[in-house]
Amino acid sequence: MMGVSIINNNIERILLNFVVLSFGTLAFIYLLLLGNMVSNIVARRSLEINARALSGEVRDLELTYLSMSNSVDLPLSYSMGFKETKASFATRKSLGLRSLSNILQNDI
């Protein structure tokens, strides 16, 4: 009878050690995930602050651009060295097809 209780006691001890070790492992993983989430939240807040600062800087640059673009006119562009160009387009004769005016005249 003594041999049976020793085996049960060892199985219970092994089972208890397994449960305690599993609980400790899960608690450690939980703490790691919780720490990771907190660090991500802190990083996100600092990035949001930087995004707000950059948004303000972009807004200021847009206002500067709009105020400068309203002051641009022909005399200013001539004084900066820009010249007005005359557009010339490349044209070619049709490739043997009848022109549209001939087609319309024949159909009417």
PDB file of N, CA and C in Angstrom:
ATOM      1  N   MET A   1       0.793  -1.198   0.000  1.00  0.00           N
ATOM      2  CA  MET A   1       0.000   0.000   0.000  1.00  0.00           C
ATOM      3  C   MET A   1       0.846   1.278   0.000  1.00  0.00           C
ATOM      4  N   MET A   2       2.008   1.242   0.606  1.00  0.00           N
ATOM      5  CA  MET A   2       2.870   2.416   0.658  1.00  0.00           C
ATOM      6  C   MET A   2       3.376   2.832  -0.707  1.00  0.00           C
ATOM      7  N   GLY A   3       3.640   1.911  -1.578  1.00  0.00           N
ATOM      8  CA  GLY A   3       4.167   2.209  -2.898  1.00  0.00           C
ATOM      9  C   GLY A   3       3.192   2.985  -3.750  1.00  0.00           C
ATOM     10  N   VAL A   4       1.919   2.754  -3.610  1.00  0.00           N
ATOM     11  CA  VAL A   4       0.898   3.447  -4.391  1.00  0.00           C
ATOM     12  C   VAL A   4       0.823   4.905  -3.987  1.00  0.00           C
ATOM     13  N   SER A   5       0.887   5.242  -2.709  1.00  0.00           N
ATOM     14  CA  SER A   5       0.789   6.635  -2.261  1.00  0.00           C
ATOM     15  C   SER A   5       2.020   7.441  -2.672  1.00  0.00           C
ATOM     16  N   ILE A   6       3.166   6.810  -2.752  1.00  0.00           N
ATOM     17  CA  ILE A   6       4.384   7.516  -3.185  1.00  0.00           C
ATOM     18  C   ILE A   6       4.269   7.892  -4.651  1.00  0.00           C
ATOM     19  N   ILE A   7       3.745   7.014  -5.474  1.00  0.00           N
ATOM     20  CA  ILE A   7       3.584   7.304  -6.894  1.00  0.00           C
ATOM     21  C   ILE A   7       2.581   8.435  -7.086  1.00  0.00           C
ATOM     22  N   ASN A   8       1.459   8.399  -6.373  1.00  0.00           N
ATOM     23  CA  ASN A   8       0.459   9.458  -6.472  1.00  0.00           C
ATOM     24  C   ASN A   8       1.026  10.794  -5.994  1.00  0.00           C
ATOM     25  N   ASN A   9       1.827  10.765  -4.934  1.00  0.00           N
ATOM     26  CA  ASN A   9       2.422  11.982  -4.403  1.00  0.00           C
ATOM     27  C   ASN A   9       3.397  12.580  -5.415  1.00  0.00           C
ATOM     28  N   ASN A  10       4.189  11.763  -6.099  1.00  0.00           N
ATOM     29  CA  ASN A  10       5.116  12.265  -7.116  1.00  0.00           C
ATOM     30  C   ASN A  10       4.358  12.830  -8.309  1.00  0.00           C
ATOM     31  N   ILE A  11       3.281  12.172  -8.724  1.00  0.00           N
ATOM     32  CA  ILE A  11       2.486  12.681  -9.847  1.00  0.00           C
ATOM     33  C   ILE A  11       1.848  14.019  -9.482  1.00  0.00           C
ATOM     34  N   GLU A  12       1.332  14.129  -8.261  1.00  0.00           N
ATOM     35  CA  GLU A  12       0.733  15.393  -7.817  1.00  0.00           C
ATOM     36  C   GLU A  12       1.779  16.505  -7.756  1.00  0.00           C
ATOM     37  N   ARG A  13       2.964  16.175  -7.273  1.00  0.00           N
ATOM     38  CA  ARG A  13       4.035  17.164  -7.183  1.00  0.00           C
ATOM     39  C   ARG A  13       4.461  17.628  -8.586  1.00  0.00           C
ATOM     40  N   ILE A  14       4.602  16.681  -9.518  1.00  0.00           N
ATOM     41  CA  ILE A  14       4.972  17.021 -10.894  1.00  0.00           C
ATOM     42  C   ILE A  14       3.878  17.872 -11.539  1.00  0.00           C
ATOM     43  N   LEU A  15       2.614  17.490 -11.313  1.00  0.00           N
ATOM     44  CA  LEU A  15       1.486  18.251 -11.861  1.00  0.00           C
ATOM     45  C   LEU A  15       1.441  19.660 -11.272  1.00  0.00           C
ATOM     46  N   LEU A  16       1.675  19.789  -9.966  1.00  0.00           N
ATOM     47  CA  LEU A  16       1.696  21.103  -9.321  1.00  0.00           C
ATOM     48  C   LEU A  16       2.841  21.950  -9.865  1.00  0.00           C
ATOM     49  N   ASN A  17       4.008  21.356 -10.038  1.00  0.00           N
ATOM     50  CA  ASN A  17       5.147  22.098 -10.602  1.00  0.00           C
ATOM     51  C   ASN A  17       4.844  22.553 -12.029  1.00  0.00           C
ATOM     52  N   PHE A  18       4.196  21.701 -12.806  1.00  0.00           N
ATOM     53  CA  PHE A  18       3.832  22.061 -14.179  1.00  0.00           C
ATOM     54  C   PHE A  18       2.834  23.218 -14.206  1.00  0.00           C
ATOM     55  N   VAL A  19       1.830  23.171 -13.330  1.00  0.00           N
ATOM     56  CA  VAL A  19       0.830  24.245 -13.276  1.00  0.00           C
ATOM     57  C   VAL A  19       1.474  25.555 -12.842  1.00  0.00           C
ATOM     58  N   VAL A  20       2.324  25.494 -11.815  1.00  0.00           N
ATOM     59  CA  VAL A  20       2.979  26.714 -11.330  1.00  0.00           C
ATOM     60  C   VAL A  20       3.921  27.273 -12.400  1.00  0.00           C
ATOM     61  N   LEU A  21       4.680  26.416 -13.066  1.00  0.00           N
ATOM     62  CA  LEU A  21       5.586  26.862 -14.117  1.00  0.00           C
ATOM     63  C   LEU A  21       4.809  27.449 -15.299  1.00  0.00           C
ATOM     64  N   SER A  22       3.686  26.827 -15.678  1.00  0.00           N
ATOM     65  CA  SER A  22       2.856  27.349 -16.769  1.00  0.00           C
ATOM     66  C   SER A  22       2.287  28.711 -16.399  1.00  0.00           C
ATOM     67  N   PHE A  23       1.803  28.839 -15.153  1.00  0.00           N
ATOM     68  CA  PHE A  23       1.259  30.129 -14.715  1.00  0.00           C
ATOM     69  C   PHE A  23       2.349  31.201 -14.730  1.00  0.00           C
ATOM     70  N   GLY A  24       3.545  30.861 -14.262  1.00  0.00           N
ATOM     71  CA  GLY A  24       4.656  31.825 -14.274  1.00  0.00           C
ATOM     72  C   GLY A  24       5.036  32.226 -15.685  1.00  0.00           C
ATOM     73  N   THR A  25       5.061  31.260 -16.608  1.00  0.00           N
ATOM     74  CA  THR A  25       5.388  31.557 -18.005  1.00  0.00           C
ATOM     75  C   THR A  25       4.339  32.464 -18.627  1.00  0.00           C
ATOM     76  N   LEU A  26       3.065  32.157 -18.386  1.00  0.00           N
ATOM     77  CA  LEU A  26       1.988  33.000 -18.930  1.00  0.00           C
ATOM     78  C   LEU A  26       2.009  34.397 -18.329  1.00  0.00           C
ATOM     79  N   ALA A  27       2.322  34.507 -17.035  1.00  0.00           N
ATOM     80  CA  ALA A  27       2.412  35.826 -16.402  1.00  0.00           C
ATOM     81  C   ALA A  27       3.563  36.629 -17.007  1.00  0.00           C
ATOM     82  N   PHE A  28       4.687  35.972 -17.276  1.00  0.00           N
ATOM     83  CA  PHE A  28       5.832  36.649 -17.885  1.00  0.00           C
ATOM     84  C   PHE A  28       5.486  37.139 -19.293  1.00  0.00           C
ATOM     85  N   ILE A  29       4.836  36.282 -20.086  1.00  0.00           N
ATOM     86  CA  ILE A  29       4.425  36.672 -21.444  1.00  0.00           C
ATOM     87  C   ILE A  29       3.437  37.827 -21.379  1.00  0.00           C
ATOM     88  N   TYR A  30       2.503  37.785 -20.417  1.00  0.00           N
ATOM     89  CA  TYR A  30       1.548  38.875 -20.254  1.00  0.00           C
ATOM     90  C   TYR A  30       2.258  40.184 -19.941  1.00  0.00           C
ATOM     91  N   LEU A  31       3.238  40.149 -19.055  1.00  0.00           N
ATOM     92  CA  LEU A  31       3.982  41.366 -18.710  1.00  0.00           C
ATOM     93  C   LEU A  31       4.772  41.892 -19.905  1.00  0.00           C
ATOM     94  N   LEU A  32       5.341  40.997 -20.697  1.00  0.00           N
ATOM     95  CA  LEU A  32       6.053  41.430 -21.900  1.00  0.00           C
ATOM     96  C   LEU A  32       5.106  42.123 -22.878  1.00  0.00           C
ATOM     97  N   LEU A  33       3.934  41.531 -23.117  1.00  0.00           N
ATOM     98  CA  LEU A  33       2.970  42.134 -24.038  1.00  0.00           C
ATOM     99  C   LEU A  33       2.452  43.466 -23.512  1.00  0.00           C
ATOM    100  N   LEU A  34       2.205  43.531 -22.216  1.00  0.00           N
ATOM    101  CA  LEU A  34       1.732  44.774 -21.612  1.00  0.00           C
ATOM    102  C   LEU A  34       2.787  45.874 -21.731  1.00  0.00           C
ATOM    103  N   GLY A  35       4.041  45.539 -21.473  1.00  0.00           N
ATOM    104  CA  GLY A  35       5.129  46.519 -21.611  1.00  0.00           C
ATOM    105  C   GLY A  35       5.280  46.982 -23.039  1.00  0.00           C
ATOM    106  N   ASN A  36       5.129  46.052 -23.992  1.00  0.00           N
ATOM    107  CA  ASN A  36       5.224  46.406 -25.407  1.00  0.00           C
ATOM    108  C   ASN A  36       4.099  47.349 -25.800  1.00  0.00           C
ATOM    109  N   MET A  37       2.890  47.087 -25.311  1.00  0.00           N
ATOM    110  CA  MET A  37       1.766  47.976 -25.633  1.00  0.00           C
ATOM    111  C   MET A  37       1.973  49.368 -25.055  1.00  0.00           C
ATOM    112  N   VAL A  38       2.473  49.449 -23.836  1.00  0.00           N
ATOM    113  CA  VAL A  38       2.708  50.761 -23.213  1.00  0.00           C
ATOM    114  C   VAL A  38       3.776  51.530 -23.985  1.00  0.00           C
ATOM    115  N   SER A  39       4.846  50.857 -24.381  1.00  0.00           N
ATOM    116  CA  SER A  39       5.885  51.550 -25.139  1.00  0.00           C
ATOM    117  C   SER A  39       5.371  51.996 -26.508  1.00  0.00           C
ATOM    118  N   ASN A  40       4.504  51.198 -27.136  1.00  0.00           N
ATOM    119  CA  ASN A  40       3.916  51.604 -28.415  1.00  0.00           C
ATOM    120  C   ASN A  40       3.006  52.813 -28.248  1.00  0.00           C
ATOM    121  N   ILE A  41       2.266  52.874 -27.143  1.00  0.00           N
ATOM    122  CA  ILE A  41       1.388  54.021 -26.896  1.00  0.00           C
ATOM    123  C   ILE A  41       2.219  55.288 -26.710  1.00  0.00           C
ATOM    124  N   VAL A  42       3.309  55.191 -25.957  1.00  0.00           N
ATOM    125  CA  VAL A  42       4.179  56.357 -25.746  1.00  0.00           C
ATOM    126  C   VAL A  42       4.797  56.803 -27.061  1.00  0.00           C
ATOM    127  N   ALA A  43       5.248  55.849 -27.876  1.00  0.00           N
ATOM    128  CA  ALA A  43       5.843  56.194 -29.170  1.00  0.00           C
ATOM    129  C   ALA A  43       4.810  56.824 -30.084  1.00  0.00           C
ATOM    130  N   ARG A  44       3.580  56.315 -30.071  1.00  0.00           N
ATOM    131  CA  ARG A  44       2.538  56.882 -30.917  1.00  0.00           C
ATOM    132  C   ARG A  44       2.215  58.316 -30.513  1.00  0.00           C
ATOM    133  N   ARG A  45       2.162  58.575 -29.220  1.00  0.00           N
ATOM    134  CA  ARG A  45       1.880  59.948 -28.767  1.00  0.00           C
ATOM    135  C   ARG A  45       2.971  60.911 -29.209  1.00  0.00           C
ATOM    136  N   SER A  46       4.222  60.487 -29.115  1.00  0.00           N
ATOM    137  CA  SER A  46       5.302  61.382 -29.552  1.00  0.00           C
ATOM    138  C   SER A  46       5.244  61.592 -31.058  1.00  0.00           C
ATOM    139  N   LEU A  47       4.876  60.554 -31.814  1.00  0.00           N
ATOM    140  CA  LEU A  47       4.727  60.714 -33.265  1.00  0.00           C
ATOM    141  C   LEU A  47       3.558  61.628 -33.606  1.00  0.00           C
ATOM    142  N   GLU A  48       2.482  61.569 -32.830  1.00  0.00           N
ATOM    143  CA  GLU A  48       1.351  62.469 -33.071  1.00  0.00           C
ATOM    144  C   GLU A  48       1.757  63.916 -32.824  1.00  0.00           C
ATOM    145  N   ILE A  49       2.568  64.148 -31.815  1.00  0.00           N
ATOM    146  CA  ILE A  49       3.054  65.512 -31.537  1.00  0.00           C
ATOM    147  C   ILE A  49       3.910  66.002 -32.704  1.00  0.00           C
ATOM    148  N   ASN A  50       4.789  65.128 -33.198  1.00  0.00           N
ATOM    149  CA  ASN A  50       5.622  65.506 -34.354  1.00  0.00           C
ATOM    150  C   ASN A  50       4.764  65.757 -35.587  1.00  0.00           C
ATOM    151  N   ALA A  51       3.718  64.951 -35.785  1.00  0.00           N
ATOM    152  CA  ALA A  51       2.838  65.139 -36.939  1.00  0.00           C
ATOM    153  C   ALA A  51       2.104  66.469 -36.846  1.00  0.00           C
ATOM    154  N   ARG A  52       1.667  66.839 -35.638  1.00  0.00           N
ATOM    155  CA  ARG A  52       1.004  68.141 -35.480  1.00  0.00           C
ATOM    156  C   ARG A  52       1.972  69.285 -35.784  1.00  0.00           C
ATOM    157  N   ALA A  53       3.210  69.165 -35.339  1.00  0.00           N
ATOM    158  CA  ALA A  53       4.201  70.213 -35.607  1.00  0.00           C
ATOM    159  C   ALA A  53       4.466  70.312 -37.108  1.00  0.00           C
ATOM    160  N   LEU A  54       4.611  69.176 -37.774  1.00  0.00           N
ATOM    161  CA  LEU A  54       4.845  69.192 -39.224  1.00  0.00           C
ATOM    162  C   LEU A  54       3.632  69.729 -39.971  1.00  0.00           C
ATOM    163  N   SER A  55       2.437  69.421 -39.488  1.00  0.00           N
ATOM    164  CA  SER A  55       1.230  69.930 -40.126  1.00  0.00           C
ATOM    165  C   SER A  55       1.182  71.458 -40.032  1.00  0.00           C
ATOM    166  N   GLY A  56       1.556  71.992 -38.894  1.00  0.00           N
ATOM    167  CA  GLY A  56       1.615  73.448 -38.744  1.00  0.00           C
ATOM    168  C   GLY A  56       2.651  74.068 -39.660  1.00  0.00           C
ATOM    169  N   GLU A  57       3.785  73.408 -39.806  1.00  0.00           N
ATOM    170  CA  GLU A  57       4.835  73.917 -40.695  1.00  0.00           C
ATOM    171  C   GLU A  57       4.375  73.888 -42.151  1.00  0.00           C
ATOM    172  N   VAL A  58       3.680  72.822 -42.547  1.00  0.00           N
ATOM    173  CA  VAL A  58       3.150  72.734 -43.912  1.00  0.00           C
ATOM    174  C   VAL A  58       2.120  73.830 -44.144  1.00  0.00           C
ATOM    175  N   ARG A  59       1.270  74.067 -43.152  1.00  0.00           N
ATOM    176  CA  ARG A  59       0.265  75.126 -43.283  1.00  0.00           C
ATOM    177  C   ARG A  59       0.930  76.480 -43.488  1.00  0.00           C
ATOM    178  N   ASP A  60       1.989  76.763 -42.722  1.00  0.00           N
ATOM    179  CA  ASP A  60       2.711  78.025 -42.881  1.00  0.00           C
ATOM    180  C   ASP A  60       3.354  78.137 -44.262  1.00  0.00           C
ATOM    181  N   LEU A  61       3.924  77.029 -44.745  1.00  0.00           N
ATOM    182  CA  LEU A  61       4.528  77.046 -46.082  1.00  0.00           C
ATOM    183  C   LEU A  61       3.477  77.242 -47.172  1.00  0.00           C
ATOM    184  N   GLU A  62       2.293  76.639 -46.988  1.00  0.00           N
ATOM    185  CA  GLU A  62       1.222  76.846 -47.967  1.00  0.00           C
ATOM    186  C   GLU A  62       0.788  78.308 -48.002  1.00  0.00           C
ATOM    187  N   LEU A  63       0.677  78.927 -46.845  1.00  0.00           N
ATOM    188  CA  LEU A  63       0.301  80.344 -46.803  1.00  0.00           C
ATOM    189  C   LEU A  63       1.367  81.207 -47.462  1.00  0.00           C
ATOM    190  N   THR A  64       2.627  80.892 -47.222  1.00  0.00           N
ATOM    191  CA  THR A  64       3.718  81.631 -47.864  1.00  0.00           C
ATOM    192  C   THR A  64       3.653  81.463 -49.372  1.00  0.00           C
ATOM    193  N   TYR A  65       3.415  80.232 -49.829  1.00  0.00           N
ATOM    194  CA  TYR A  65       3.301  79.972 -51.269  1.00  0.00           C
ATOM    195  C   TYR A  65       2.139  80.747 -51.882  1.00  0.00           C
ATOM    196  N   LEU A  66       0.993  80.720 -51.213  1.00  0.00           N
ATOM    197  CA  LEU A  66      -0.165  81.432 -51.761  1.00  0.00           C
ATOM    198  C   LEU A  66       0.078  82.932 -51.823  1.00  0.00           C
ATOM    199  N   SER A  67       0.707  83.488 -50.798  1.00  0.00           N
ATOM    200  CA  SER A  67       0.964  84.927 -50.819  1.00  0.00           C
ATOM    201  C   SER A  67       1.988  85.279 -51.898  1.00  0.00           C
ATOM    202  N   MET A  68       2.981  84.416 -52.109  1.00  0.00           N
ATOM    203  CA  MET A  68       3.964  84.689 -53.153  1.00  0.00           C
ATOM    204  C   MET A  68       3.376  84.472 -54.541  1.00  0.00           C
ATOM    205  N   SER A  69       2.512  83.490 -54.705  1.00  0.00           N
ATOM    206  CA  SER A  69       1.957  83.219 -56.034  1.00  0.00           C
ATOM    207  C   SER A  69       0.988  84.319 -56.461  1.00  0.00           C
ATOM    208  N   ASN A  70       0.361  84.996 -55.517  1.00  0.00           N
ATOM    209  CA  ASN A  70      -0.528  86.109 -55.873  1.00  0.00           C
ATOM    210  C   ASN A  70       0.258  87.333 -56.333  1.00  0.00           C
ATOM    211  N   SER A  71       1.532  87.426 -55.944  1.00  0.00           N
ATOM    212  CA  SER A  71       2.320  88.596 -56.324  1.00  0.00           C
ATOM    213  C   SER A  71       3.075  88.397 -57.639  1.00  0.00           C
ATOM    214  N   VAL A  72       2.996  87.219 -58.245  1.00  0.00           N
ATOM    215  CA  VAL A  72       3.700  86.964 -59.499  1.00  0.00           C
ATOM    216  C   VAL A  72       2.883  87.533 -60.658  1.00  0.00           C
ATOM    217  N   ASP A  73       3.525  88.343 -61.501  1.00  0.00           N
ATOM    218  CA  ASP A  73       2.875  88.892 -62.691  1.00  0.00           C
ATOM    219  C   ASP A  73       3.902  88.946 -63.820  1.00  0.00           C
ATOM    220  N   LEU A  74       3.479  89.439 -64.983  1.00  0.00           N
ATOM    221  CA  LEU A  74       4.362  89.466 -66.143  1.00  0.00           C
ATOM    222  C   LEU A  74       5.617  90.307 -65.936  1.00  0.00           C
ATOM    223  N   PRO A  75       5.518  91.537 -65.409  1.00  0.00           N
ATOM    224  CA  PRO A  75       6.754  92.318 -65.227  1.00  0.00           C
ATOM    225  C   PRO A  75       7.759  91.631 -64.296  1.00  0.00           C
ATOM    226  N   LEU A  76       7.272  90.986 -63.249  1.00  0.00           N
ATOM    227  CA  LEU A  76       8.174  90.280 -62.340  1.00  0.00           C
ATOM    228  C   LEU A  76       8.841  89.112 -63.054  1.00  0.00           C
ATOM    229  N   SER A  77       8.083  88.367 -63.841  1.00  0.00           N
ATOM    230  CA  SER A  77       8.679  87.223 -64.545  1.00  0.00           C
ATOM    231  C   SER A  77       9.695  87.696 -65.594  1.00  0.00           C
ATOM    232  N   TYR A  78       9.406  88.822 -66.278  1.00  0.00           N
ATOM    233  CA  TYR A  78      10.380  89.361 -67.238  1.00  0.00           C
ATOM    234  C   TYR A  78      11.647  89.807 -66.524  1.00  0.00           C
ATOM    235  N   SER A  79      11.494  90.403 -65.325  1.00  0.00           N
ATOM    236  CA  SER A  79      12.669  90.862 -64.591  1.00  0.00           C
ATOM    237  C   SER A  79      13.505  89.686 -64.085  1.00  0.00           C
ATOM    238  N   MET A  80      12.880  88.511 -63.925  1.00  0.00           N
ATOM    239  CA  MET A  80      13.610  87.320 -63.471  1.00  0.00           C
ATOM    240  C   MET A  80      14.224  86.550 -64.637  1.00  0.00           C
ATOM    241  N   GLY A  81      13.989  87.012 -65.873  1.00  0.00           N
ATOM    242  CA  GLY A  81      14.634  86.395 -67.019  1.00  0.00           C
ATOM    243  C   GLY A  81      13.746  85.454 -67.805  1.00  0.00           C
ATOM    244  N   PHE A  82      12.480  85.360 -67.463  1.00  0.00           N
ATOM    245  CA  PHE A  82      11.581  84.507 -68.230  1.00  0.00           C
ATOM    246  C   PHE A  82      11.146  85.233 -69.490  1.00  0.00           C
ATOM    247  N   LYS A  83      10.923  84.485 -70.557  1.00  0.00           N
ATOM    248  CA  LYS A  83      10.491  85.060 -71.822  1.00  0.00           C
ATOM    249  C   LYS A  83       9.239  84.328 -72.275  1.00  0.00           C
ATOM    250  N   GLU A  84       8.424  85.049 -73.024  1.00  0.00           N
ATOM    251  CA  GLU A  84       7.233  84.428 -73.580  1.00  0.00           C
ATOM    252  C   GLU A  84       7.619  83.684 -74.853  1.00  0.00           C
ATOM    253  N   THR A  85       7.143  82.489 -74.986  1.00  0.00           N
ATOM    254  CA  THR A  85       7.496  81.679 -76.152  1.00  0.00           C
ATOM    255  C   THR A  85       6.316  81.604 -77.100  1.00  0.00           C
ATOM    256  N   LYS A  86       6.637  81.391 -78.358  1.00  0.00           N
ATOM    257  CA  LYS A  86       5.597  81.187 -79.354  1.00  0.00           C
ATOM    258  C   LYS A  86       5.559  79.693 -79.643  1.00  0.00           C
ATOM    259  N   ALA A  87       4.403  79.120 -79.454  1.00  0.00           N
ATOM    260  CA  ALA A  87       4.270  77.672 -79.614  1.00  0.00           C
ATOM    261  C   ALA A  87       4.239  77.317 -81.095  1.00  0.00           C
ATOM    262  N   SER A  88       4.995  76.321 -81.480  1.00  0.00           N
ATOM    263  CA  SER A  88       4.931  75.797 -82.840  1.00  0.00           C
ATOM    264  C   SER A  88       4.705  74.295 -82.724  1.00  0.00           C
ATOM    265  N   PHE A  89       3.735  73.826 -83.479  1.00  0.00           N
ATOM    266  CA  PHE A  89       3.355  72.430 -83.388  1.00  0.00           C
ATOM    267  C   PHE A  89       3.780  71.695 -84.644  1.00  0.00           C
ATOM    268  N   ALA A  90       4.137  70.471 -84.487  1.00  0.00           N
ATOM    269  CA  ALA A  90       4.526  69.653 -85.634  1.00  0.00           C
ATOM    270  C   ALA A  90       3.268  69.094 -86.287  1.00  0.00           C
ATOM    271  N   THR A  91       3.186  69.232 -87.604  1.00  0.00           N
ATOM    272  CA  THR A  91       2.038  68.693 -88.336  1.00  0.00           C
ATOM    273  C   THR A  91       2.547  67.822 -89.473  1.00  0.00           C
ATOM    274  N   ARG A  92       1.684  66.985 -89.976  1.00  0.00           N
ATOM    275  CA  ARG A  92       2.055  66.172 -91.122  1.00  0.00           C
ATOM    276  C   ARG A  92       0.814  65.942 -91.969  1.00  0.00           C
ATOM    277  N   LYS A  93       1.034  65.539 -93.180  1.00  0.00           N
ATOM    278  CA  LYS A  93      -0.077  65.272 -94.082  1.00  0.00           C
ATOM    279  C   LYS A  93      -0.702  63.937 -93.706  1.00  0.00           C
ATOM    280  N   SER A  94      -1.938  63.749 -94.135  1.00  0.00           N
ATOM    281  CA  SER A  94      -2.620  62.499 -93.825  1.00  0.00           C
ATOM    282  C   SER A  94      -1.951  61.352 -94.584  1.00  0.00           C
ATOM    283  N   LEU A  95      -2.192  60.167 -94.144  1.00  0.00           N
ATOM    284  CA  LEU A  95      -1.543  58.994 -94.719  1.00  0.00           C
ATOM    285  C   LEU A  95      -2.377  58.379 -95.839  1.00  0.00           C
ATOM    286  N   GLY A  96      -2.971  59.188 -96.700  1.00  0.00           N
ATOM    287  CA  GLY A  96      -3.742  58.673 -97.811  1.00  0.00           C
ATOM    288  C   GLY A  96      -5.222  58.589 -97.521  1.00  0.00           C
ATOM    289  N   LEU A  97      -5.633  58.892 -96.331  1.00  0.00           N
ATOM    290  CA  LEU A  97      -7.056  58.897 -96.026  1.00  0.00           C
ATOM    291  C   LEU A  97      -7.648  60.215 -96.489  1.00  0.00           C
ATOM    292  N   ARG A  98      -8.899  60.177 -96.841  1.00  0.00           N
ATOM    293  CA  ARG A  98      -9.539  61.422 -97.252  1.00  0.00           C
ATOM    294  C   ARG A  98      -9.736  62.314 -96.042  1.00  0.00           C
ATOM    295  N   SER A  99      -9.679  63.583 -96.273  1.00  0.00           N
ATOM    296  CA  SER A  99      -9.837  64.510 -95.169  1.00  0.00           C
ATOM    297  C   SER A  99     -11.292  64.527 -94.724  1.00  0.00           C
ATOM    298  N   LEU A 100     -11.528  65.001 -93.547  1.00  0.00           N
ATOM    299  CA  LEU A 100     -12.862  65.022 -92.969  1.00  0.00           C
ATOM    300  C   LEU A 100     -13.794  65.935 -93.734  1.00  0.00           C
ATOM    301  N   SER A 101     -13.278  67.046 -94.262  1.00  0.00           N
ATOM    302  CA  SER A 101     -14.138  67.968 -95.019  1.00  0.00           C
ATOM    303  C   SER A 101     -14.613  67.308 -96.310  1.00  0.00           C
ATOM    304  N   ASN A 102     -13.765  66.534 -96.996  1.00  0.00           N
ATOM    305  CA  ASN A 102     -14.185  65.835 -98.217  1.00  0.00           C
ATOM    306  C   ASN A 102     -15.254  64.806 -97.909  1.00  0.00           C
ATOM    307  N   ILE A 103     -15.099  64.115 -96.797  1.00  0.00           N
ATOM    308  CA  ILE A 103     -16.081  63.091 -96.424  1.00  0.00           C
ATOM    309  C   ILE A 103     -17.426  63.739 -96.126  1.00  0.00           C
ATOM    310  N   LEU A 104     -17.392  64.876 -95.387  1.00  0.00           N
ATOM    311  CA  LEU A 104     -18.643  65.531 -95.066  1.00  0.00           C
ATOM    312  C   LEU A 104     -19.336  66.099 -96.293  1.00  0.00           C
ATOM    313  N   GLN A 105     -18.571  66.621 -97.221  1.00  0.00           N
ATOM    314  CA  GLN A 105     -19.155  67.202 -98.440  1.00  0.00           C
ATOM    315  C   GLN A 105     -19.787  66.093 -99.286  1.00  0.00           C
ATOM    316  N   ASN A 106     -19.160  64.956 -99.362  1.00  0.00           N
ATOM    317  CA  ASN A 106     -19.701  63.862-100.184  1.00  0.00           C
ATOM    318  C   ASN A 106     -20.941  63.260 -99.544  1.00  0.00           C
ATOM    319  N   ASP A 107     -21.031  63.256 -98.240  1.00  0.00           N
ATOM    320  CA  ASP A 107     -22.176  62.650 -97.566  1.00  0.00           C
ATOM    321  C   ASP A 107     -23.386  63.556 -97.594  1.00  0.00           C
ATOM    322  N   ILE A 108     -23.172  64.848 -97.715  1.00  0.00           N
ATOM    323  CA  ILE A 108     -24.297  65.784 -97.698  1.00  0.00           C
ATOM    324  C   ILE A 108     -24.849  65.871 -99.060  1.00  0.00           C
TER     325      ILE A 108
END
